[in-house]
Amino acid sequence: MVNSGLLWFIIGIGTTLAFFGLKEWLDEKQVALNWWQWLLAVAWTLVLALTVAFTALNAAANEARAAMLGFVILAVILAVWAVLGWYFILRRKLVKAA
């Protein structure tokens, strides 16, 4: 699965659907994001994709400890990044729109 490109194909489909869903949700809430806010969202998504790829590649290479440790470290970073992004960007804009 990892070597055939199927993993990246699935990640690409998921990313595309997530961004279309986010755009529709923001339009429904009447919230407009600046270019740098979209850049942060794209960067977060790339780090998420690399986290999945890192974990899958290490698991396929029988490096379970590296896969688990890398996943935990990167997942914590992504979770903190998502919470801070929600708090500083979307929460304030949603409160202003209401």
N, C-alpha and C. Protein backbone atom coordinates (compact mmCIF):
# COMPACT_ATOMS: atom_id res chain seq x y z
N MET A 1 0.82 -1.20 0.00
CA MET A 1 0.00 0.00 0.00
C MET A 1 0.86 1.26 0.00
N VAL A 2 1.93 1.26 0.78
CA VAL A 2 2.75 2.46 0.90
C VAL A 2 3.54 2.71 -0.38
N ASN A 3 4.07 1.67 -0.98
CA ASN A 3 4.91 1.84 -2.16
C ASN A 3 4.12 2.07 -3.44
N SER A 4 2.86 1.72 -3.46
CA SER A 4 2.09 1.81 -4.70
C SER A 4 1.53 3.20 -4.97
N GLY A 5 1.64 4.08 -4.05
CA GLY A 5 1.07 5.41 -4.23
C GLY A 5 -0.37 5.50 -3.79
N LEU A 6 -0.95 4.37 -3.38
CA LEU A 6 -2.34 4.37 -2.94
C LEU A 6 -2.53 5.21 -1.68
N LEU A 7 -1.54 5.18 -0.79
CA LEU A 7 -1.64 5.97 0.43
C LEU A 7 -1.75 7.46 0.10
N TRP A 8 -0.90 7.95 -0.81
CA TRP A 8 -0.94 9.36 -1.16
C TRP A 8 -2.21 9.72 -1.93
N PHE A 9 -2.73 8.78 -2.69
CA PHE A 9 -3.99 9.00 -3.40
C PHE A 9 -5.13 9.17 -2.39
N ILE A 10 -5.18 8.32 -1.39
CA ILE A 10 -6.22 8.40 -0.37
C ILE A 10 -6.07 9.68 0.45
N ILE A 11 -4.83 10.04 0.80
CA ILE A 11 -4.59 11.28 1.54
C ILE A 11 -5.02 12.48 0.70
N GLY A 12 -4.74 12.47 -0.59
CA GLY A 12 -5.15 13.56 -1.47
C GLY A 12 -6.65 13.71 -1.56
N ILE A 13 -7.36 12.59 -1.68
CA ILE A 13 -8.82 12.64 -1.72
C ILE A 13 -9.37 13.19 -0.41
N GLY A 14 -8.85 12.70 0.71
CA GLY A 14 -9.31 13.17 2.01
C GLY A 14 -9.04 14.66 2.23
N THR A 15 -7.87 15.11 1.80
CA THR A 15 -7.52 16.52 1.93
C THR A 15 -8.43 17.40 1.08
N THR A 16 -8.67 16.98 -0.13
CA THR A 16 -9.56 17.75 -1.02
C THR A 16 -10.96 17.85 -0.45
N LEU A 17 -11.49 16.74 0.01
CA LEU A 17 -12.83 16.75 0.61
C LEU A 17 -12.87 17.61 1.88
N ALA A 18 -11.81 17.55 2.67
CA ALA A 18 -11.77 18.35 3.90
C ALA A 18 -11.76 19.85 3.58
N PHE A 19 -10.97 20.26 2.58
CA PHE A 19 -10.92 21.68 2.24
C PHE A 19 -12.22 22.18 1.61
N PHE A 20 -12.84 21.35 0.78
CA PHE A 20 -14.15 21.74 0.24
C PHE A 20 -15.19 21.84 1.35
N GLY A 21 -15.15 20.91 2.28
CA GLY A 21 -16.07 20.96 3.41
C GLY A 21 -15.84 22.17 4.29
N LEU A 22 -14.57 22.49 4.55
CA LEU A 22 -14.24 23.68 5.34
C LEU A 22 -14.71 24.95 4.65
N LYS A 23 -14.49 25.03 3.34
CA LYS A 23 -14.92 26.22 2.58
C LYS A 23 -16.43 26.38 2.63
N GLU A 24 -17.17 25.29 2.45
CA GLU A 24 -18.64 25.36 2.52
C GLU A 24 -19.10 25.76 3.92
N TRP A 25 -18.47 25.21 4.95
CA TRP A 25 -18.85 25.53 6.33
C TRP A 25 -18.57 27.00 6.63
N LEU A 26 -17.42 27.52 6.18
CA LEU A 26 -17.10 28.93 6.40
C LEU A 26 -18.05 29.84 5.64
N ASP A 27 -18.44 29.45 4.42
CA ASP A 27 -19.41 30.24 3.66
C ASP A 27 -20.76 30.24 4.36
N GLU A 28 -21.15 29.11 4.92
CA GLU A 28 -22.43 29.01 5.63
C GLU A 28 -22.43 29.90 6.87
N LYS A 29 -21.29 29.97 7.57
CA LYS A 29 -21.17 30.81 8.76
C LYS A 29 -20.82 32.26 8.42
N GLN A 30 -20.61 32.56 7.15
CA GLN A 30 -20.24 33.88 6.66
C GLN A 30 -18.94 34.39 7.30
N VAL A 31 -17.94 33.53 7.27
CA VAL A 31 -16.62 33.86 7.81
C VAL A 31 -15.63 33.84 6.65
N ALA A 32 -14.86 34.92 6.52
CA ALA A 32 -13.84 35.00 5.47
C ALA A 32 -12.46 34.91 6.12
N LEU A 33 -11.61 34.07 5.55
CA LEU A 33 -10.25 33.92 6.06
C LEU A 33 -9.28 34.69 5.18
N ASN A 34 -8.24 35.25 5.81
CA ASN A 34 -7.18 35.94 5.08
C ASN A 34 -6.26 34.92 4.42
N TRP A 35 -5.34 35.40 3.60
CA TRP A 35 -4.42 34.50 2.91
C TRP A 35 -3.52 33.77 3.89
N TRP A 36 -3.09 34.46 4.96
CA TRP A 36 -2.18 33.80 5.90
C TRP A 36 -2.91 32.77 6.74
N GLN A 37 -4.21 32.93 6.94
CA GLN A 37 -4.98 31.93 7.67
C GLN A 37 -5.18 30.68 6.81
N TRP A 38 -5.39 30.87 5.51
CA TRP A 38 -5.45 29.72 4.61
C TRP A 38 -4.09 29.04 4.53
N LEU A 39 -3.01 29.81 4.55
CA LEU A 39 -1.67 29.24 4.51
C LEU A 39 -1.41 28.38 5.75
N LEU A 40 -1.86 28.84 6.91
CA LEU A 40 -1.74 28.03 8.13
C LEU A 40 -2.54 26.74 8.02
N ALA A 41 -3.72 26.81 7.43
CA ALA A 41 -4.54 25.60 7.26
C ALA A 41 -3.88 24.62 6.31
N VAL A 42 -3.31 25.12 5.22
CA VAL A 42 -2.62 24.24 4.27
C VAL A 42 -1.38 23.63 4.91
N ALA A 43 -0.63 24.43 5.66
CA ALA A 43 0.57 23.91 6.33
C ALA A 43 0.19 22.84 7.35
N TRP A 44 -0.88 23.05 8.10
CA TRP A 44 -1.34 22.05 9.07
C TRP A 44 -1.71 20.75 8.36
N THR A 45 -2.38 20.88 7.22
CA THR A 45 -2.78 19.69 6.47
C THR A 45 -1.57 18.94 5.93
N LEU A 46 -0.56 19.67 5.47
CA LEU A 46 0.66 19.01 4.99
C LEU A 46 1.37 18.27 6.11
N VAL A 47 1.44 18.88 7.28
CA VAL A 47 2.07 18.21 8.42
C VAL A 47 1.25 16.98 8.82
N LEU A 48 -0.07 17.07 8.75
CA LEU A 48 -0.91 15.91 9.03
C LEU A 48 -0.64 14.78 8.03
N ALA A 49 -0.54 15.12 6.75
CA ALA A 49 -0.26 14.10 5.73
C ALA A 49 1.11 13.48 5.95
N LEU A 50 2.09 14.28 6.29
CA LEU A 50 3.43 13.75 6.55
C LEU A 50 3.45 12.89 7.80
N THR A 51 2.63 13.21 8.79
CA THR A 51 2.53 12.38 9.98
C THR A 51 1.98 11.00 9.64
N VAL A 52 0.94 10.98 8.83
CA VAL A 52 0.36 9.69 8.41
C VAL A 52 1.38 8.91 7.59
N ALA A 53 2.06 9.57 6.67
CA ALA A 53 3.04 8.89 5.83
C ALA A 53 4.22 8.37 6.66
N PHE A 54 4.70 9.18 7.59
CA PHE A 54 5.81 8.76 8.46
C PHE A 54 5.44 7.53 9.26
N THR A 55 4.25 7.56 9.83
CA THR A 55 3.81 6.43 10.64
C THR A 55 3.63 5.18 9.79
N ALA A 56 3.02 5.32 8.63
CA ALA A 56 2.79 4.16 7.76
C ALA A 56 4.10 3.58 7.24
N LEU A 57 5.03 4.44 6.85
CA LEU A 57 6.30 3.95 6.32
C LEU A 57 7.12 3.25 7.39
N ASN A 58 7.15 3.79 8.59
CA ASN A 58 7.89 3.14 9.67
C ASN A 58 7.23 1.85 10.11
N ALA A 59 5.92 1.82 10.12
CA ALA A 59 5.22 0.59 10.48
C ALA A 59 5.47 -0.49 9.42
N ALA A 60 5.50 -0.10 8.14
CA ALA A 60 5.75 -1.06 7.07
C ALA A 60 7.19 -1.58 7.11
N ALA A 61 8.10 -0.79 7.64
CA ALA A 61 9.51 -1.20 7.73
C ALA A 61 9.80 -1.92 9.04
N ASN A 62 8.77 -2.32 9.76
CA ASN A 62 8.89 -3.01 11.05
C ASN A 62 9.64 -2.17 12.09
N GLU A 63 9.45 -0.89 12.04
CA GLU A 63 10.02 0.03 13.02
C GLU A 63 8.87 0.55 13.89
N ALA A 64 8.31 -0.32 14.68
CA ALA A 64 7.12 0.02 15.46
C ALA A 64 7.39 1.12 16.48
N ARG A 65 8.56 1.08 17.11
CA ARG A 65 8.87 2.10 18.12
C ARG A 65 8.99 3.48 17.48
N ALA A 66 9.67 3.56 16.35
CA ALA A 66 9.81 4.84 15.64
C ALA A 66 8.45 5.33 15.16
N ALA A 67 7.63 4.42 14.66
CA ALA A 67 6.30 4.81 14.17
C ALA A 67 5.45 5.36 15.31
N MET A 68 5.44 4.66 16.44
CA MET A 68 4.62 5.10 17.57
C MET A 68 5.13 6.41 18.16
N LEU A 69 6.44 6.50 18.37
CA LEU A 69 7.01 7.71 18.95
C LEU A 69 6.81 8.92 18.03
N GLY A 70 7.05 8.73 16.74
CA GLY A 70 6.84 9.82 15.79
C GLY A 70 5.39 10.24 15.72
N PHE A 71 4.49 9.25 15.73
CA PHE A 71 3.06 9.56 15.69
C PHE A 71 2.63 10.35 16.92
N VAL A 72 3.07 9.92 18.09
CA VAL A 72 2.66 10.60 19.33
C VAL A 72 3.17 12.03 19.35
N ILE A 73 4.44 12.22 19.02
CA ILE A 73 5.02 13.57 19.04
C ILE A 73 4.33 14.48 18.02
N LEU A 74 4.19 13.99 16.80
CA LEU A 74 3.57 14.82 15.77
C LEU A 74 2.08 15.04 16.01
N ALA A 75 1.39 14.05 16.58
CA ALA A 75 -0.03 14.21 16.88
C ALA A 75 -0.25 15.26 17.96
N VAL A 76 0.61 15.29 18.96
CA VAL A 76 0.49 16.32 20.01
C VAL A 76 0.73 17.70 19.41
N ILE A 77 1.74 17.83 18.57
CA ILE A 77 2.00 19.12 17.92
C ILE A 77 0.80 19.55 17.08
N LEU A 78 0.24 18.63 16.31
CA LEU A 78 -0.92 18.95 15.47
C LEU A 78 -2.14 19.31 16.31
N ALA A 79 -2.35 18.62 17.42
CA ALA A 79 -3.50 18.92 18.27
C ALA A 79 -3.38 20.31 18.89
N VAL A 80 -2.19 20.65 19.37
CA VAL A 80 -1.98 21.99 19.95
C VAL A 80 -2.15 23.05 18.87
N TRP A 81 -1.61 22.82 17.70
CA TRP A 81 -1.73 23.74 16.57
C TRP A 81 -3.20 23.94 16.20
N ALA A 82 -3.98 22.86 16.16
CA ALA A 82 -5.40 22.96 15.81
C ALA A 82 -6.19 23.73 16.86
N VAL A 83 -5.93 23.47 18.13
CA VAL A 83 -6.65 24.17 19.20
C VAL A 83 -6.31 25.65 19.19
N LEU A 84 -5.03 25.98 19.05
CA LEU A 84 -4.65 27.40 19.00
C LEU A 84 -5.21 28.08 17.76
N GLY A 85 -5.20 27.38 16.63
CA GLY A 85 -5.79 27.95 15.42
C GLY A 85 -7.28 28.21 15.57
N TRP A 86 -7.98 27.25 16.17
CA TRP A 86 -9.42 27.42 16.41
C TRP A 86 -9.66 28.61 17.34
N TYR A 87 -8.88 28.70 18.40
CA TYR A 87 -9.10 29.75 19.39
C TYR A 87 -8.80 31.14 18.82
N PHE A 88 -7.66 31.30 18.19
CA PHE A 88 -7.23 32.63 17.76
C PHE A 88 -7.84 33.08 16.44
N ILE A 89 -8.21 32.16 15.58
CA ILE A 89 -8.70 32.56 14.26
C ILE A 89 -10.21 32.40 14.16
N LEU A 90 -10.69 31.18 14.25
CA LEU A 90 -12.10 30.94 13.97
C LEU A 90 -13.02 31.37 15.10
N ARG A 91 -12.63 31.15 16.34
CA ARG A 91 -13.51 31.50 17.45
C ARG A 91 -13.82 32.99 17.46
N ARG A 92 -12.81 33.80 17.28
CA ARG A 92 -13.02 35.25 17.29
C ARG A 92 -13.88 35.70 16.11
N LYS A 93 -13.66 35.10 14.95
CA LYS A 93 -14.45 35.48 13.78
C LYS A 93 -15.89 35.02 13.91
N LEU A 94 -16.11 33.84 14.50
CA LEU A 94 -17.48 33.35 14.67
C LEU A 94 -18.23 34.18 15.70
N VAL A 95 -17.54 34.66 16.73
CA VAL A 95 -18.19 35.51 17.73
C VAL A 95 -18.56 36.85 17.11
N LYS A 96 -17.69 37.41 16.27
CA LYS A 96 -17.99 38.68 15.61
C LYS A 96 -19.15 38.55 14.64
N ALA A 97 -19.24 37.41 13.97
CA ALA A 97 -20.31 37.21 12.98
C ALA A 97 -21.67 37.01 13.64
N ALA A 98 -21.69 36.54 14.87
CA ALA A 98 -22.96 36.25 15.55
C ALA A 98 -23.62 37.48 16.11
